[in-house]
């Protein structure tokens, strides 16, 4: 399964911080699995999992983020996207 997993971030140093925080650097070969920017995968991704991402953007920008995620997905059948975030009433 690991050869089919990819991660992307705007800044490679954030990936290194995640490795340090979660102590999981040995689980995936980082040189080939993590890329920035993500546009090299446009139209090639079968499934996107984006948990705790959209809340990082203002409400008006979340629409653009959703569009960016949609561009990653294949233009054929059998694709999906999932994610989640806890919220609270204001």
N, C-alpha and C. Protein backbone atom coordinates (compact mmCIF):
# COMPACT_ATOMS: atom_id res chain seq x y z
N UNK A 1 0.80 -1.19 0.00
CA UNK A 1 0.00 0.00 0.00
C UNK A 1 0.85 1.27 0.00
N UNK A 2 1.94 1.31 0.73
CA UNK A 2 2.75 2.53 0.84
C UNK A 2 3.22 3.09 -0.50
N UNK A 3 3.55 2.27 -1.51
CA UNK A 3 3.98 2.86 -2.79
C UNK A 3 2.88 3.66 -3.48
N UNK A 4 1.64 3.50 -3.06
CA UNK A 4 0.52 4.20 -3.68
C UNK A 4 0.04 5.39 -2.86
N UNK A 5 0.74 5.73 -1.80
CA UNK A 5 0.37 6.87 -0.95
C UNK A 5 1.28 8.05 -1.25
N UNK A 6 0.69 9.23 -1.33
CA UNK A 6 1.46 10.44 -1.57
C UNK A 6 1.01 11.51 -0.60
N UNK A 7 1.91 12.38 -0.26
CA UNK A 7 1.59 13.51 0.57
C UNK A 7 2.11 14.77 -0.09
N UNK A 8 1.49 15.87 0.18
CA UNK A 8 1.93 17.14 -0.40
C UNK A 8 1.82 18.23 0.65
N UNK A 9 2.72 19.18 0.55
CA UNK A 9 2.67 20.32 1.45
C UNK A 9 3.27 21.51 0.73
N UNK A 10 2.95 22.69 1.21
CA UNK A 10 3.50 23.89 0.61
C UNK A 10 4.97 24.06 0.95
N UNK A 11 5.37 23.60 2.11
CA UNK A 11 6.75 23.75 2.57
C UNK A 11 7.29 22.41 3.03
N UNK A 12 8.37 21.92 2.41
CA UNK A 12 8.93 20.62 2.81
C UNK A 12 9.31 20.54 4.29
N UNK A 13 9.68 21.67 4.90
CA UNK A 13 10.06 21.63 6.31
C UNK A 13 8.89 21.25 7.21
N UNK A 14 7.66 21.46 6.77
CA UNK A 14 6.51 21.04 7.56
C UNK A 14 6.41 19.52 7.63
N UNK A 15 6.84 18.86 6.58
CA UNK A 15 6.87 17.40 6.58
C UNK A 15 7.87 16.91 7.62
N UNK A 16 9.04 17.55 7.67
CA UNK A 16 10.05 17.18 8.66
C UNK A 16 9.53 17.41 10.08
N UNK A 17 8.80 18.48 10.30
CA UNK A 17 8.22 18.73 11.62
C UNK A 17 7.22 17.64 12.00
N UNK A 18 6.43 17.19 11.02
CA UNK A 18 5.49 16.09 11.27
C UNK A 18 6.21 14.80 11.62
N UNK A 19 7.32 14.53 10.92
CA UNK A 19 8.12 13.34 11.23
C UNK A 19 8.60 13.38 12.68
N UNK A 20 9.06 14.56 13.09
CA UNK A 20 9.56 14.72 14.46
C UNK A 20 8.42 14.59 15.48
N UNK A 21 7.30 15.21 15.20
CA UNK A 21 6.17 15.19 16.12
C UNK A 21 5.59 13.79 16.29
N UNK A 22 5.39 13.08 15.17
CA UNK A 22 4.74 11.78 15.23
C UNK A 22 5.72 10.61 15.27
N UNK A 23 7.01 10.90 15.14
CA UNK A 23 8.07 9.87 15.18
C UNK A 23 7.78 8.73 14.21
N UNK A 24 7.43 9.09 12.97
CA UNK A 24 7.08 8.06 11.99
C UNK A 24 7.89 8.17 10.69
N UNK A 25 9.04 8.80 10.73
CA UNK A 25 9.84 9.01 9.53
C UNK A 25 10.22 7.71 8.83
N UNK A 26 10.34 6.62 9.57
CA UNK A 26 10.76 5.36 8.97
C UNK A 26 9.62 4.63 8.25
N UNK A 27 8.39 5.09 8.37
CA UNK A 27 7.25 4.38 7.80
C UNK A 27 7.07 4.58 6.30
N UNK A 28 7.46 5.73 5.77
CA UNK A 28 7.35 6.01 4.33
C UNK A 28 8.65 6.60 3.83
N UNK A 29 9.09 6.19 2.64
CA UNK A 29 10.30 6.80 2.07
C UNK A 29 9.99 8.22 1.61
N UNK A 30 10.45 9.21 2.32
CA UNK A 30 10.07 10.60 2.07
C UNK A 30 10.56 11.15 0.73
N UNK A 31 11.69 10.73 0.24
CA UNK A 31 12.24 11.32 -0.98
C UNK A 31 11.31 11.17 -2.18
N UNK A 32 10.55 10.10 -2.23
CA UNK A 32 9.68 9.88 -3.39
C UNK A 32 8.20 10.03 -3.06
N UNK A 33 7.83 10.04 -1.81
CA UNK A 33 6.42 10.03 -1.45
C UNK A 33 5.85 11.41 -1.17
N UNK A 34 6.67 12.37 -0.83
CA UNK A 34 6.17 13.69 -0.49
C UNK A 34 6.65 14.70 -1.50
N UNK A 35 5.72 15.49 -1.98
CA UNK A 35 6.02 16.42 -3.05
C UNK A 35 5.43 17.79 -2.75
N UNK A 36 6.01 18.80 -3.32
CA UNK A 36 5.47 20.15 -3.26
C UNK A 36 5.94 20.85 -4.53
N UNK A 37 5.14 21.48 -5.26
CA UNK A 37 3.71 21.67 -5.10
C UNK A 37 2.91 20.47 -5.58
N UNK A 38 1.64 20.48 -5.27
CA UNK A 38 0.78 19.33 -5.55
C UNK A 38 0.27 19.27 -6.98
N UNK A 39 0.51 20.26 -7.81
CA UNK A 39 -0.08 20.27 -9.15
C UNK A 39 0.43 19.16 -10.06
N UNK A 40 1.51 18.51 -9.72
CA UNK A 40 2.01 17.41 -10.55
C UNK A 40 1.07 16.22 -10.51
N UNK A 41 0.15 16.17 -9.57
CA UNK A 41 -0.80 15.07 -9.47
C UNK A 41 -2.19 15.42 -10.00
N UNK A 42 -2.36 16.58 -10.58
CA UNK A 42 -3.69 16.98 -11.08
C UNK A 42 -4.27 15.91 -12.00
N UNK A 43 -5.50 15.50 -11.70
CA UNK A 43 -6.20 14.52 -12.52
C UNK A 43 -5.72 13.09 -12.38
N UNK A 44 -4.82 12.82 -11.44
CA UNK A 44 -4.24 11.48 -11.32
C UNK A 44 -4.57 10.79 -10.00
N UNK A 45 -5.28 11.45 -9.11
CA UNK A 45 -5.53 10.92 -7.77
C UNK A 45 -6.90 10.25 -7.72
N UNK A 46 -6.94 9.09 -7.08
CA UNK A 46 -8.19 8.34 -6.98
C UNK A 46 -8.97 8.69 -5.70
N UNK A 47 -8.27 9.04 -4.64
CA UNK A 47 -8.93 9.33 -3.37
C UNK A 47 -8.14 10.40 -2.61
N UNK A 48 -8.84 11.35 -2.04
CA UNK A 48 -8.21 12.40 -1.23
C UNK A 48 -8.80 12.34 0.17
N UNK A 49 -7.92 12.35 1.17
CA UNK A 49 -8.34 12.44 2.56
C UNK A 49 -7.78 13.75 3.11
N UNK A 50 -8.64 14.66 3.45
CA UNK A 50 -8.22 15.98 3.90
C UNK A 50 -8.89 16.31 5.23
N UNK A 51 -8.35 15.79 6.31
CA UNK A 51 -8.88 16.07 7.64
C UNK A 51 -8.13 17.25 8.24
N UNK A 52 -8.84 18.11 8.90
CA UNK A 52 -8.25 19.27 9.59
C UNK A 52 -7.47 20.15 8.62
N UNK A 53 -8.04 20.41 7.46
CA UNK A 53 -7.39 21.26 6.46
C UNK A 53 -8.21 22.52 6.18
N UNK A 54 -9.47 22.35 5.84
CA UNK A 54 -10.27 23.47 5.39
C UNK A 54 -10.39 24.58 6.43
N UNK A 55 -10.40 24.22 7.70
CA UNK A 55 -10.56 25.23 8.75
C UNK A 55 -9.37 26.19 8.82
N UNK A 56 -8.28 25.84 8.18
CA UNK A 56 -7.10 26.70 8.18
C UNK A 56 -7.28 27.94 7.31
N UNK A 57 -8.34 27.94 6.51
CA UNK A 57 -8.60 29.03 5.58
C UNK A 57 -9.87 29.78 5.96
N UNK A 58 -9.92 31.05 5.60
CA UNK A 58 -11.14 31.82 5.83
C UNK A 58 -12.27 31.21 5.01
N UNK A 59 -13.49 31.46 5.43
CA UNK A 59 -14.67 30.85 4.80
C UNK A 59 -14.67 31.06 3.29
N UNK A 60 -14.34 32.26 2.83
CA UNK A 60 -14.37 32.54 1.39
C UNK A 60 -13.27 31.79 0.64
N UNK A 61 -12.16 31.51 1.27
CA UNK A 61 -11.06 30.79 0.62
C UNK A 61 -11.31 29.29 0.58
N UNK A 62 -12.17 28.78 1.44
CA UNK A 62 -12.42 27.35 1.47
C UNK A 62 -12.99 26.83 0.16
N UNK A 63 -13.73 27.66 -0.56
CA UNK A 63 -14.26 27.27 -1.86
C UNK A 63 -13.11 27.04 -2.85
N UNK A 64 -12.11 27.89 -2.82
CA UNK A 64 -10.94 27.72 -3.70
C UNK A 64 -10.16 26.48 -3.32
N UNK A 65 -10.05 26.20 -2.03
CA UNK A 65 -9.35 24.99 -1.58
C UNK A 65 -10.09 23.75 -2.07
N UNK A 66 -11.40 23.75 -1.97
CA UNK A 66 -12.19 22.62 -2.46
C UNK A 66 -12.00 22.43 -3.96
N UNK A 67 -11.93 23.51 -4.70
CA UNK A 67 -11.68 23.42 -6.14
C UNK A 67 -10.32 22.84 -6.43
N UNK A 68 -9.34 23.21 -5.61
CA UNK A 68 -7.98 22.67 -5.79
C UNK A 68 -7.97 21.17 -5.54
N UNK A 69 -8.66 20.72 -4.51
CA UNK A 69 -8.76 19.28 -4.21
C UNK A 69 -9.45 18.57 -5.38
N UNK A 70 -10.50 19.17 -5.90
CA UNK A 70 -11.23 18.55 -7.02
C UNK A 70 -10.34 18.39 -8.24
N UNK A 71 -9.43 19.33 -8.49
CA UNK A 71 -8.54 19.20 -9.65
C UNK A 71 -7.58 18.03 -9.51
N UNK A 72 -7.29 17.62 -8.29
CA UNK A 72 -6.42 16.46 -8.09
C UNK A 72 -7.08 15.17 -8.54
N UNK A 73 -8.39 15.10 -8.41
CA UNK A 73 -9.10 13.85 -8.63
C UNK A 73 -9.19 13.48 -10.10
N UNK A 74 -9.19 12.18 -10.35
CA UNK A 74 -9.30 11.64 -11.70
C UNK A 74 -10.59 12.11 -12.36
N UNK A 75 -10.56 12.17 -13.65
CA UNK A 75 -11.74 12.58 -14.41
C UNK A 75 -12.60 11.39 -14.81
N UNK A 76 -12.35 10.26 -14.19
CA UNK A 76 -13.09 9.04 -14.50
C UNK A 76 -13.94 8.63 -13.31
N UNK A 77 -14.59 7.49 -13.47
CA UNK A 77 -15.37 6.93 -12.36
C UNK A 77 -14.46 6.49 -11.23
N UNK A 78 -15.10 6.20 -10.12
CA UNK A 78 -14.44 5.62 -8.95
C UNK A 78 -13.38 6.53 -8.34
N UNK A 79 -13.76 7.67 -7.89
CA UNK A 79 -12.89 8.53 -7.12
C UNK A 79 -13.66 8.95 -5.88
N UNK A 80 -12.95 9.45 -4.91
CA UNK A 80 -13.62 9.86 -3.69
C UNK A 80 -12.79 10.85 -2.90
N UNK A 81 -13.46 11.52 -1.98
CA UNK A 81 -12.80 12.46 -1.09
C UNK A 81 -13.47 12.35 0.27
N UNK A 82 -12.69 12.45 1.31
CA UNK A 82 -13.22 12.38 2.67
C UNK A 82 -12.40 13.28 3.57
N UNK A 83 -12.94 13.54 4.72
CA UNK A 83 -12.24 14.35 5.71
C UNK A 83 -13.19 14.68 6.83
N UNK A 84 -12.71 15.43 7.77
CA UNK A 84 -13.56 15.79 8.88
C UNK A 84 -12.89 16.83 9.75
N UNK A 85 -13.68 17.44 10.57
CA UNK A 85 -13.18 18.42 11.52
C UNK A 85 -14.26 18.66 12.54
N UNK A 86 -13.88 18.66 13.80
CA UNK A 86 -14.84 19.01 14.85
C UNK A 86 -15.01 20.52 14.86
N UNK A 87 -16.19 20.94 15.17
CA UNK A 87 -16.46 22.36 15.25
C UNK A 87 -17.21 22.69 16.52
N UNK A 88 -17.46 23.94 16.71
CA UNK A 88 -18.25 24.36 17.86
C UNK A 88 -19.13 25.52 17.44
N UNK A 89 -20.27 25.61 18.07
CA UNK A 89 -21.19 26.70 17.79
C UNK A 89 -20.63 27.99 18.36
N UNK A 90 -20.80 29.06 17.62
CA UNK A 90 -20.31 30.36 18.11
C UNK A 90 -21.44 31.17 18.65
